[in-house]
Amino acid sequence: MNQFYRTTASVDELKTFYAYLLGQRGWKAERIGRIVPLGLEFSKDGHHLSITIESRPGPTSVTITLRH
């Protein structure tokens, strides 16, 4: 499953949001990227969630991918 959206939120705001939200729901952070695009990876119960955040002029792009 893939989900894509654009937002006015900053990369740091999105990173903080997803780390907090998913952590509260039992997802374990696997890796946090340090370069653009920023990659966040989480796992839970055999599922893998990747979040890619790209900051460009204009809105920030976010792609969420869930794999089983």
Protein backbone atom coordinates (compact mmCIF):
# COMPACT_ATOMS: atom_id res chain seq x y z
CA MET A 1 0.00 0.00 0.00
CA ASN A 2 1.34 3.45 -0.92
CA GLN A 3 0.05 6.83 0.17
CA PHE A 4 1.34 10.18 -1.08
CA TYR A 5 0.58 13.73 -0.01
CA ARG A 6 2.06 17.23 0.07
CA THR A 7 2.08 19.49 3.10
CA THR A 8 3.37 22.83 4.35
CA ALA A 9 4.86 21.11 7.44
CA SER A 10 8.66 21.09 7.69
CA VAL A 11 10.82 17.96 7.54
CA ASP A 12 11.57 18.30 11.27
CA GLU A 13 7.87 18.67 12.13
CA LEU A 14 6.99 15.57 10.11
CA LYS A 15 9.84 13.53 11.57
CA THR A 16 8.76 14.43 15.10
CA PHE A 17 5.08 13.81 14.31
CA TYR A 18 5.58 10.33 12.85
CA ALA A 19 8.15 9.21 15.44
CA TYR A 20 5.79 10.21 18.27
CA LEU A 21 2.54 8.98 16.71
CA LEU A 22 3.83 5.61 15.56
CA GLY A 23 5.82 5.07 18.77
CA GLN A 24 2.63 5.60 20.78
CA ARG A 25 0.95 2.93 18.66
CA GLY A 26 3.66 0.33 19.24
CA TRP A 27 5.71 0.73 16.06
CA LYS A 28 9.47 0.31 16.56
CA ALA A 29 11.75 2.80 14.80
CA GLU A 30 14.24 0.95 12.60
CA ARG A 31 16.22 3.74 10.97
CA ILE A 32 16.04 7.48 10.63
CA GLY A 33 17.69 8.95 7.53
CA ARG A 34 19.90 11.99 7.77
CA ILE A 35 19.77 13.22 4.17
CA VAL A 36 17.04 14.37 1.83
CA PRO A 37 14.92 12.51 1.04
CA LEU A 38 14.51 11.71 4.70
CA GLY A 39 13.66 8.08 5.29
CA LEU A 40 11.86 6.86 8.39
CA GLU A 41 11.35 3.14 8.89
CA PHE A 42 9.20 1.36 11.46
CA SER A 43 8.15 -2.23 12.14
CA LYS A 44 5.36 -3.90 14.10
CA ASP A 45 3.98 -7.45 14.13
CA GLY A 46 5.76 -8.43 10.91
CA HIS A 47 4.71 -5.28 9.06
CA HIS A 48 7.16 -2.71 7.72
CA LEU A 49 6.31 0.98 7.28
CA SER A 50 8.55 3.37 5.30
CA ILE A 51 8.02 7.12 5.23
CA THR A 52 9.96 9.20 2.72
CA ILE A 53 9.96 12.98 3.19
CA GLU A 54 11.30 15.25 0.46
CA SER A 55 11.76 18.96 1.02
CA ARG A 56 11.79 21.06 -2.13
CA PRO A 57 10.77 24.58 -2.96
CA GLY A 58 7.05 24.61 -2.28
CA PRO A 59 5.19 21.90 -0.36
CA THR A 60 7.01 19.03 1.36
CA SER A 61 6.28 15.64 -0.27
CA VAL A 62 5.51 12.60 1.89
CA THR A 63 5.26 9.00 0.66
CA ILE A 64 4.14 6.25 3.04
CA THR A 65 4.62 2.59 2.10
CA LEU A 66 3.28 -0.36 4.11
CA ARG A 67 4.63 -3.85 3.42
CA HIS A 68 3.67 -7.15 5.04
